[in-house]
N, C-alpha and C. Protein backbone atom coordinates (compact mmCIF):
# COMPACT_ATOMS: atom_id res chain seq x y z
N MET A 1 5.77 -10.88 -3.72
CA MET A 1 5.72 -10.77 -2.27
C MET A 1 5.13 -9.43 -1.87
N ARG A 2 5.63 -8.35 -2.48
CA ARG A 2 5.16 -7.01 -2.14
C ARG A 2 3.66 -6.92 -2.31
N ARG A 3 3.15 -7.40 -3.44
CA ARG A 3 1.73 -7.31 -3.73
C ARG A 3 0.91 -8.12 -2.75
N GLY A 4 1.42 -9.31 -2.35
CA GLY A 4 0.69 -10.15 -1.41
C GLY A 4 0.53 -9.49 -0.05
N VAL A 5 1.59 -8.91 0.48
CA VAL A 5 1.54 -8.22 1.76
C VAL A 5 0.62 -7.01 1.67
N VAL A 6 0.77 -6.26 0.60
CA VAL A 6 -0.05 -5.06 0.42
C VAL A 6 -1.51 -5.45 0.31
N MET A 7 -1.82 -6.52 -0.40
CA MET A 7 -3.21 -6.93 -0.58
C MET A 7 -3.85 -7.31 0.75
N VAL A 8 -3.13 -8.01 1.60
CA VAL A 8 -3.68 -8.39 2.90
C VAL A 8 -3.95 -7.15 3.74
N VAL A 9 -2.98 -6.25 3.81
CA VAL A 9 -3.14 -5.02 4.59
C VAL A 9 -4.29 -4.19 4.03
N ALA A 10 -4.32 -4.02 2.73
CA ALA A 10 -5.35 -3.21 2.10
C ALA A 10 -6.73 -3.84 2.28
N ALA A 11 -6.81 -5.15 2.17
CA ALA A 11 -8.10 -5.82 2.34
C ALA A 11 -8.66 -5.59 3.73
N LEU A 12 -7.82 -5.62 4.74
CA LEU A 12 -8.29 -5.38 6.09
C LEU A 12 -8.86 -3.98 6.25
N VAL A 13 -8.23 -3.01 5.64
CA VAL A 13 -8.71 -1.63 5.76
C VAL A 13 -10.00 -1.44 5.00
N VAL A 14 -10.04 -1.88 3.75
CA VAL A 14 -11.22 -1.68 2.93
C VAL A 14 -12.40 -2.47 3.47
N ALA A 15 -12.14 -3.62 4.07
CA ALA A 15 -13.22 -4.43 4.61
C ALA A 15 -13.76 -3.88 5.92
N GLY A 16 -13.16 -2.83 6.43
CA GLY A 16 -13.66 -2.22 7.65
C GLY A 16 -13.09 -2.85 8.90
N CYS A 17 -12.07 -3.65 8.78
CA CYS A 17 -11.47 -4.31 9.94
C CYS A 17 -10.40 -3.39 10.52
N THR A 18 -10.81 -2.35 11.17
CA THR A 18 -9.86 -1.42 11.77
C THR A 18 -10.14 -1.32 13.25
N ALA A 19 -9.26 -0.64 13.94
CA ALA A 19 -9.44 -0.45 15.38
C ALA A 19 -10.59 0.49 15.68
N GLU A 20 -11.06 1.26 14.67
CA GLU A 20 -12.13 2.22 14.92
C GLU A 20 -13.39 1.52 15.40
N SER A 21 -13.77 0.43 14.75
CA SER A 21 -14.93 -0.33 15.17
C SER A 21 -14.94 -1.65 14.43
N GLU A 22 -15.61 -2.62 14.99
CA GLU A 22 -15.67 -3.91 14.34
C GLU A 22 -16.89 -4.03 13.46
N GLN A 23 -17.89 -3.22 13.68
CA GLN A 23 -19.10 -3.23 12.87
C GLN A 23 -19.17 -1.95 12.06
N PRO A 24 -19.64 -2.04 10.80
CA PRO A 24 -19.77 -0.81 10.03
C PRO A 24 -20.82 0.10 10.64
N LYS A 25 -20.58 1.38 10.51
CA LYS A 25 -21.53 2.36 11.03
C LYS A 25 -22.69 2.47 10.05
N PRO A 26 -23.91 2.71 10.55
CA PRO A 26 -25.01 2.87 9.62
C PRO A 26 -24.80 4.10 8.74
N SER A 27 -25.24 4.00 7.50
CA SER A 27 -25.09 5.13 6.58
C SER A 27 -26.03 6.25 6.98
N PRO A 28 -25.54 7.50 6.91
CA PRO A 28 -26.42 8.62 7.16
C PRO A 28 -27.53 8.69 6.11
N ALA A 29 -28.54 9.49 6.37
CA ALA A 29 -29.68 9.59 5.47
C ALA A 29 -29.29 10.16 4.11
N VAL A 30 -28.24 10.96 4.03
CA VAL A 30 -27.80 11.55 2.77
C VAL A 30 -27.14 10.47 1.91
N ALA A 31 -27.54 10.41 0.65
CA ALA A 31 -26.98 9.41 -0.27
C ALA A 31 -25.48 9.64 -0.46
N PHE A 32 -24.77 8.56 -0.59
CA PHE A 32 -23.33 8.57 -0.85
C PHE A 32 -23.19 8.37 -2.36
N THR A 33 -22.83 9.41 -3.08
CA THR A 33 -22.86 9.38 -4.54
C THR A 33 -21.48 9.22 -5.17
N ARG A 34 -21.50 8.88 -6.45
CA ARG A 34 -20.27 8.79 -7.22
C ARG A 34 -19.57 10.15 -7.25
N GLY A 35 -20.35 11.21 -7.36
CA GLY A 35 -19.77 12.56 -7.36
C GLY A 35 -19.00 12.84 -6.08
N MET A 36 -19.51 12.38 -4.95
CA MET A 36 -18.80 12.55 -3.68
C MET A 36 -17.48 11.79 -3.70
N ALA A 37 -17.51 10.56 -4.22
CA ALA A 37 -16.29 9.76 -4.29
C ALA A 37 -15.26 10.41 -5.21
N GLU A 38 -15.71 10.91 -6.36
CA GLU A 38 -14.79 11.56 -7.29
C GLU A 38 -14.24 12.87 -6.71
N ALA A 39 -15.03 13.55 -5.88
CA ALA A 39 -14.54 14.77 -5.21
C ALA A 39 -13.41 14.42 -4.23
N VAL A 40 -13.51 13.27 -3.57
CA VAL A 40 -12.44 12.83 -2.67
C VAL A 40 -11.17 12.59 -3.47
N LEU A 41 -11.29 11.91 -4.61
CA LEU A 41 -10.12 11.67 -5.46
C LEU A 41 -9.51 13.00 -5.90
N ALA A 42 -10.33 13.95 -6.32
CA ALA A 42 -9.82 15.26 -6.75
C ALA A 42 -9.09 15.97 -5.62
N GLU A 43 -9.61 15.86 -4.40
CA GLU A 43 -8.96 16.49 -3.24
C GLU A 43 -7.60 15.85 -2.96
N VAL A 44 -7.53 14.52 -3.05
CA VAL A 44 -6.27 13.82 -2.82
C VAL A 44 -5.24 14.20 -3.88
N VAL A 45 -5.66 14.22 -5.14
CA VAL A 45 -4.75 14.57 -6.24
C VAL A 45 -4.26 16.01 -6.09
N ALA A 46 -5.17 16.92 -5.75
CA ALA A 46 -4.78 18.31 -5.55
C ALA A 46 -3.80 18.44 -4.38
N GLY A 47 -4.01 17.68 -3.33
CA GLY A 47 -3.11 17.70 -2.18
C GLY A 47 -1.71 17.24 -2.53
N VAL A 48 -1.61 16.21 -3.37
CA VAL A 48 -0.30 15.74 -3.82
C VAL A 48 0.36 16.83 -4.67
N GLY A 49 -0.43 17.45 -5.55
CA GLY A 49 0.11 18.50 -6.39
C GLY A 49 0.62 19.69 -5.60
N LYS A 50 -0.03 19.97 -4.50
CA LYS A 50 0.33 21.13 -3.68
C LYS A 50 1.48 20.83 -2.72
N ASN A 51 1.40 19.69 -2.03
CA ASN A 51 2.35 19.40 -0.95
C ASN A 51 3.22 18.17 -1.18
N GLY A 52 3.10 17.52 -2.33
CA GLY A 52 3.83 16.27 -2.53
C GLY A 52 3.30 15.20 -1.61
N VAL A 53 4.12 14.28 -1.20
CA VAL A 53 3.66 13.19 -0.34
C VAL A 53 3.95 13.43 1.14
N ALA A 54 4.46 14.60 1.48
CA ALA A 54 4.69 14.94 2.90
C ALA A 54 3.35 15.01 3.62
N ASP A 55 3.21 14.31 4.71
CA ASP A 55 1.98 14.26 5.52
C ASP A 55 0.77 13.80 4.72
N PHE A 56 1.01 13.16 3.60
CA PHE A 56 -0.05 12.71 2.71
C PHE A 56 -1.03 11.79 3.43
N CYS A 57 -0.53 10.76 4.08
CA CYS A 57 -1.39 9.76 4.70
C CYS A 57 -2.20 10.33 5.86
N ALA A 58 -1.58 11.14 6.68
CA ALA A 58 -2.29 11.72 7.81
C ALA A 58 -3.41 12.64 7.33
N THR A 59 -3.21 13.28 6.21
CA THR A 59 -4.19 14.23 5.69
C THR A 59 -5.33 13.55 4.95
N PHE A 60 -5.03 12.54 4.14
CA PHE A 60 -6.02 12.04 3.19
C PHE A 60 -6.58 10.66 3.43
N ALA A 61 -5.89 9.78 4.12
CA ALA A 61 -6.36 8.40 4.26
C ALA A 61 -7.05 8.16 5.58
N ARG A 62 -8.09 7.35 5.53
CA ARG A 62 -8.74 6.99 6.78
C ARG A 62 -7.79 6.13 7.61
N SER A 63 -7.10 5.22 6.95
CA SER A 63 -6.16 4.37 7.66
C SER A 63 -4.74 4.88 7.42
N LYS A 64 -4.30 5.74 8.30
CA LYS A 64 -2.98 6.35 8.17
C LYS A 64 -1.88 5.29 8.14
N GLU A 65 -1.97 4.30 9.01
CA GLU A 65 -0.93 3.30 9.11
C GLU A 65 -0.82 2.49 7.82
N THR A 66 -1.94 2.04 7.28
CA THR A 66 -1.91 1.27 6.05
C THR A 66 -1.43 2.12 4.89
N CYS A 67 -1.88 3.35 4.82
CA CYS A 67 -1.43 4.27 3.78
C CYS A 67 0.07 4.44 3.84
N GLU A 68 0.62 4.58 5.03
CA GLU A 68 2.07 4.76 5.16
C GLU A 68 2.84 3.55 4.68
N ILE A 69 2.31 2.35 4.92
CA ILE A 69 2.95 1.13 4.42
C ILE A 69 2.95 1.15 2.89
N LEU A 70 1.82 1.47 2.29
CA LEU A 70 1.72 1.51 0.83
C LEU A 70 2.58 2.62 0.24
N LEU A 71 2.63 3.76 0.90
CA LEU A 71 3.45 4.88 0.42
C LEU A 71 4.93 4.53 0.47
N LYS A 72 5.38 3.94 1.58
CA LYS A 72 6.79 3.53 1.68
C LYS A 72 7.14 2.53 0.60
N ASP A 73 6.21 1.62 0.32
CA ASP A 73 6.43 0.64 -0.73
C ASP A 73 6.56 1.33 -2.09
N ALA A 74 5.70 2.29 -2.38
CA ALA A 74 5.76 3.04 -3.64
C ALA A 74 7.07 3.81 -3.74
N LEU A 75 7.47 4.45 -2.67
CA LEU A 75 8.72 5.22 -2.68
C LEU A 75 9.93 4.31 -2.83
N ARG A 76 9.87 3.14 -2.23
CA ARG A 76 10.95 2.16 -2.37
C ARG A 76 11.11 1.74 -3.84
N GLU A 77 10.02 1.78 -4.60
CA GLU A 77 10.04 1.46 -6.02
C GLU A 77 10.26 2.71 -6.88
N CYS A 78 10.47 3.87 -6.22
CA CYS A 78 10.69 5.16 -6.89
C CYS A 78 9.48 5.57 -7.73
N LEU A 79 8.27 5.23 -7.27
CA LEU A 79 7.04 5.56 -7.98
C LEU A 79 6.37 6.77 -7.35
N LEU A 80 6.20 7.81 -8.13
CA LEU A 80 5.51 9.02 -7.70
C LEU A 80 4.38 9.32 -8.67
N PRO A 81 3.30 9.93 -8.19
CA PRO A 81 2.19 10.22 -9.09
C PRO A 81 2.52 11.33 -10.06
N GLY A 82 1.97 11.23 -11.27
CA GLY A 82 2.13 12.27 -12.28
C GLY A 82 0.90 13.15 -12.32
N ASP A 83 0.37 13.38 -13.50
CA ASP A 83 -0.80 14.23 -13.68
C ASP A 83 -2.05 13.59 -13.08
N LYS A 84 -3.12 14.36 -13.09
CA LYS A 84 -4.40 13.92 -12.55
C LYS A 84 -4.90 12.67 -13.29
N PRO A 85 -5.29 11.63 -12.54
CA PRO A 85 -5.83 10.43 -13.17
C PRO A 85 -7.27 10.65 -13.63
N THR A 86 -7.73 9.79 -14.51
CA THR A 86 -9.12 9.80 -14.94
C THR A 86 -9.84 8.60 -14.32
N VAL A 87 -11.12 8.76 -14.11
CA VAL A 87 -11.93 7.68 -13.56
C VAL A 87 -12.47 6.86 -14.73
N LYS A 88 -12.05 5.60 -14.81
CA LYS A 88 -12.50 4.70 -15.88
C LYS A 88 -13.86 4.10 -15.55
N SER A 89 -14.08 3.80 -14.28
CA SER A 89 -15.37 3.24 -13.86
C SER A 89 -15.53 3.45 -12.36
N ALA A 90 -16.76 3.29 -11.92
CA ALA A 90 -17.07 3.43 -10.50
C ALA A 90 -18.16 2.41 -10.15
N VAL A 91 -17.95 1.72 -9.04
CA VAL A 91 -18.91 0.73 -8.58
C VAL A 91 -19.21 1.02 -7.13
N ARG A 92 -20.50 1.11 -6.81
CA ARG A 92 -20.92 1.30 -5.42
C ARG A 92 -21.09 -0.07 -4.79
N LEU A 93 -20.39 -0.28 -3.69
CA LEU A 93 -20.50 -1.52 -2.94
C LEU A 93 -21.26 -1.22 -1.66
N PRO A 94 -22.48 -1.74 -1.52
CA PRO A 94 -23.27 -1.42 -0.32
C PRO A 94 -22.62 -1.97 0.95
N ALA A 95 -23.00 -1.39 2.06
CA ALA A 95 -22.51 -1.87 3.36
C ALA A 95 -22.99 -3.28 3.59
N THR A 96 -22.15 -4.05 4.23
CA THR A 96 -22.50 -5.42 4.62
C THR A 96 -22.21 -5.56 6.10
N SER A 97 -22.41 -6.75 6.63
CA SER A 97 -22.09 -6.98 8.04
C SER A 97 -20.59 -6.92 8.27
N ARG A 98 -19.78 -7.04 7.19
CA ARG A 98 -18.33 -7.02 7.31
C ARG A 98 -17.67 -5.75 6.80
N SER A 99 -18.38 -4.93 6.04
CA SER A 99 -17.73 -3.78 5.42
C SER A 99 -18.65 -2.57 5.33
N GLU A 100 -18.02 -1.42 5.20
CA GLU A 100 -18.75 -0.17 5.07
C GLU A 100 -19.17 0.05 3.62
N GLU A 101 -20.12 0.94 3.43
CA GLU A 101 -20.49 1.35 2.07
C GLU A 101 -19.25 1.96 1.42
N THR A 102 -18.97 1.55 0.20
CA THR A 102 -17.74 1.95 -0.49
C THR A 102 -18.03 2.26 -1.95
N TRP A 103 -17.36 3.27 -2.46
CA TRP A 103 -17.29 3.48 -3.91
C TRP A 103 -15.91 3.05 -4.32
N ARG A 104 -15.84 2.09 -5.25
CA ARG A 104 -14.57 1.66 -5.80
C ARG A 104 -14.39 2.34 -7.15
N LEU A 105 -13.54 3.35 -7.17
CA LEU A 105 -13.22 4.02 -8.41
C LEU A 105 -12.05 3.29 -9.05
N VAL A 106 -12.13 3.06 -10.33
CA VAL A 106 -11.00 2.52 -11.07
C VAL A 106 -10.38 3.71 -11.79
N VAL A 107 -9.15 4.04 -11.42
CA VAL A 107 -8.50 5.23 -11.96
C VAL A 107 -7.33 4.84 -12.86
N GLN A 108 -7.13 5.67 -13.87
CA GLN A 108 -6.03 5.45 -14.82
C GLN A 108 -5.24 6.74 -14.94
N GLY A 109 -3.95 6.61 -14.93
CA GLY A 109 -3.10 7.78 -15.07
C GLY A 109 -1.68 7.37 -15.39
N ARG A 110 -0.78 8.31 -15.18
CA ARG A 110 0.65 8.06 -15.44
C ARG A 110 1.44 8.48 -14.21
N THR A 111 2.49 7.72 -13.93
CA THR A 111 3.39 8.08 -12.84
C THR A 111 4.22 9.28 -13.30
N LEU A 112 4.98 9.83 -12.40
CA LEU A 112 5.80 11.01 -12.71
C LEU A 112 6.75 10.74 -13.88
N ASP A 113 7.23 9.51 -14.00
CA ASP A 113 8.14 9.18 -15.11
C ASP A 113 7.40 8.74 -16.38
N GLY A 114 6.06 8.81 -16.38
CA GLY A 114 5.28 8.55 -17.59
C GLY A 114 4.72 7.15 -17.75
N GLN A 115 4.92 6.27 -16.77
CA GLN A 115 4.38 4.91 -16.87
C GLN A 115 2.88 4.92 -16.60
N LYS A 116 2.16 4.11 -17.36
CA LYS A 116 0.71 3.99 -17.17
C LYS A 116 0.42 3.12 -15.95
N TYR A 117 -0.63 3.48 -15.21
CA TYR A 117 -1.14 2.64 -14.14
C TYR A 117 -2.66 2.62 -14.22
N VAL A 118 -3.25 1.56 -13.72
CA VAL A 118 -4.69 1.45 -13.50
C VAL A 118 -4.83 0.87 -12.10
N SER A 119 -5.51 1.59 -11.23
CA SER A 119 -5.63 1.21 -9.81
C SER A 119 -7.06 1.32 -9.34
N ASP A 120 -7.37 0.56 -8.31
CA ASP A 120 -8.61 0.78 -7.57
C ASP A 120 -8.36 1.88 -6.55
N PHE A 121 -9.36 2.73 -6.35
CA PHE A 121 -9.28 3.81 -5.37
C PHE A 121 -10.56 3.76 -4.54
N PRO A 122 -10.55 3.02 -3.41
CA PRO A 122 -11.76 2.90 -2.61
C PRO A 122 -12.01 4.15 -1.76
N VAL A 123 -13.26 4.60 -1.79
CA VAL A 123 -13.70 5.74 -0.98
C VAL A 123 -14.80 5.23 -0.07
N ILE A 124 -14.65 5.47 1.22
CA ILE A 124 -15.63 5.02 2.21
C ILE A 124 -16.19 6.23 2.95
N ARG A 125 -17.16 5.99 3.78
CA ARG A 125 -17.63 7.04 4.68
C ARG A 125 -16.90 6.86 5.99
N SER A 126 -16.27 7.92 6.46
CA SER A 126 -15.59 7.88 7.74
C SER A 126 -16.29 8.91 8.61
N ALA A 127 -16.97 8.44 9.63
CA ALA A 127 -17.78 9.31 10.48
C ALA A 127 -18.79 10.10 9.64
N GLY A 128 -19.36 9.42 8.63
CA GLY A 128 -20.39 10.02 7.79
C GLY A 128 -19.87 10.87 6.64
N VAL A 129 -18.56 11.09 6.58
CA VAL A 129 -17.96 11.94 5.55
C VAL A 129 -17.17 11.06 4.58
N PRO A 130 -17.35 11.24 3.27
CA PRO A 130 -16.56 10.46 2.32
C PRO A 130 -15.06 10.72 2.50
N LYS A 131 -14.28 9.65 2.51
CA LYS A 131 -12.83 9.76 2.70
C LYS A 131 -12.15 8.61 1.97
N ALA A 132 -10.96 8.87 1.47
CA ALA A 132 -10.18 7.81 0.84
C ALA A 132 -9.82 6.77 1.88
N ALA A 133 -10.06 5.51 1.57
CA ALA A 133 -9.69 4.46 2.51
C ALA A 133 -8.17 4.38 2.64
N LEU A 134 -7.48 4.41 1.48
CA LEU A 134 -6.04 4.23 1.46
C LEU A 134 -5.28 5.42 0.88
N ALA A 135 -5.89 6.13 -0.06
CA ALA A 135 -5.37 7.35 -0.69
C ALA A 135 -4.27 7.14 -1.72
N ILE A 136 -3.56 6.05 -1.71
CA ILE A 136 -2.52 5.80 -2.70
C ILE A 136 -3.22 5.36 -3.99
N TYR A 137 -3.04 6.12 -5.05
CA TYR A 137 -3.79 5.84 -6.29
C TYR A 137 -2.90 5.51 -7.48
N TRP A 138 -1.60 5.60 -7.37
CA TRP A 138 -0.73 5.51 -8.54
C TRP A 138 0.11 4.22 -8.62
N THR A 139 -0.22 3.21 -7.84
CA THR A 139 0.63 2.01 -7.81
C THR A 139 0.04 0.80 -8.52
N GLY A 140 -1.14 0.91 -9.07
CA GLY A 140 -1.72 -0.22 -9.79
C GLY A 140 -2.32 -1.29 -8.90
N LEU A 141 -2.58 -0.98 -7.65
CA LEU A 141 -3.18 -1.97 -6.75
C LEU A 141 -4.66 -2.10 -7.05
N GLY A 142 -5.17 -3.31 -6.91
CA GLY A 142 -6.58 -3.57 -7.14
C GLY A 142 -7.16 -4.40 -6.02
N TYR A 143 -8.41 -4.16 -5.74
CA TYR A 143 -9.08 -4.87 -4.65
C TYR A 143 -10.27 -5.66 -5.14
N GLY A 144 -10.91 -5.23 -6.21
CA GLY A 144 -12.01 -5.96 -6.81
C GLY A 144 -13.15 -6.24 -5.86
N GLU A 145 -14.05 -7.11 -6.30
CA GLU A 145 -15.21 -7.49 -5.49
C GLU A 145 -14.79 -8.43 -4.35
N ASP A 146 -13.87 -9.32 -4.66
CA ASP A 146 -13.41 -10.30 -3.69
C ASP A 146 -11.96 -9.98 -3.34
N MET A 147 -11.75 -9.49 -2.15
CA MET A 147 -10.43 -9.01 -1.75
C MET A 147 -9.36 -10.11 -1.76
N ASP A 148 -9.80 -11.37 -1.68
CA ASP A 148 -8.84 -12.47 -1.70
C ASP A 148 -8.36 -12.80 -3.11
N ASP A 149 -9.07 -12.29 -4.11
CA ASP A 149 -8.72 -12.56 -5.50
C ASP A 149 -8.65 -11.23 -6.24
N PRO A 150 -7.47 -10.58 -6.25
CA PRO A 150 -7.36 -9.25 -6.86
C PRO A 150 -7.76 -9.28 -8.33
N PRO A 151 -8.30 -8.18 -8.83
CA PRO A 151 -8.75 -8.13 -10.22
C PRO A 151 -7.58 -8.15 -11.20
N ASN A 152 -7.88 -8.52 -12.45
CA ASN A 152 -6.82 -8.59 -13.45
C ASN A 152 -6.78 -7.34 -14.34
N TYR A 153 -7.58 -6.33 -14.06
CA TYR A 153 -7.61 -5.13 -14.90
C TYR A 153 -6.61 -4.07 -14.47
N THR A 154 -5.96 -4.25 -13.36
CA THR A 154 -5.01 -3.24 -12.91
C THR A 154 -3.72 -3.31 -13.72
N ILE A 155 -3.02 -2.19 -13.76
CA ILE A 155 -1.72 -2.12 -14.41
C ILE A 155 -0.74 -1.55 -13.39
N VAL A 156 0.27 -2.35 -13.06
CA VAL A 156 1.25 -1.97 -12.05
C VAL A 156 2.48 -1.41 -12.76
N PRO A 157 2.84 -0.16 -12.46
CA PRO A 157 4.07 0.38 -13.05
C PRO A 157 5.30 -0.31 -12.47
N GLN A 158 6.36 -0.35 -13.27
CA GLN A 158 7.60 -0.99 -12.85
C GLN A 158 8.45 -0.01 -12.04
N SER A 159 9.30 -0.56 -11.20
CA SER A 159 10.23 0.26 -10.42
C SER A 159 11.08 1.12 -11.34
N THR A 160 11.27 2.36 -10.94
CA THR A 160 12.11 3.26 -11.73
C THR A 160 13.41 3.61 -11.00
N CYS A 161 13.69 2.87 -9.94
CA CYS A 161 14.91 3.12 -9.17
C CYS A 161 16.13 2.74 -10.00
N PRO A 162 17.21 3.51 -9.86
CA PRO A 162 18.45 3.13 -10.55
C PRO A 162 18.93 1.77 -10.05
N LYS A 163 19.47 1.00 -10.94
CA LYS A 163 19.90 -0.35 -10.55
C LYS A 163 21.35 -0.41 -10.30
């Protein structure tokens, strides 16, 4: 159930279906590179290392509301990020009539308690500047090419809450 609700919410954000605009903005003349997307991930990870998850969504995610839903879900499962994740792969998804230009980074790391995760980390252009769409990178969520059919390469860590 949790994954289904999260997938619907996440798909709406990544697909560009937000209150900001219904049509994707044209890409600026400057190329949107993998290096830019990885710099966004590094900034988000450094922010967690410095400030924890306090004000995390307001600072790092384009969609603050969706990020807060995903963060509350992660905290409800007692999942916190551990060390810096590594980028396993990166795919550039060009802008379409329904979505903005996106870099989908596939990141791998460990939660604070040492569990392995593999997650998608979408980076979009927000007002021409690369920004994390959702910013939550440690929960094993995946969006894949087709948002209605999540990929099978993700690894979701188990709840670490006391029972």
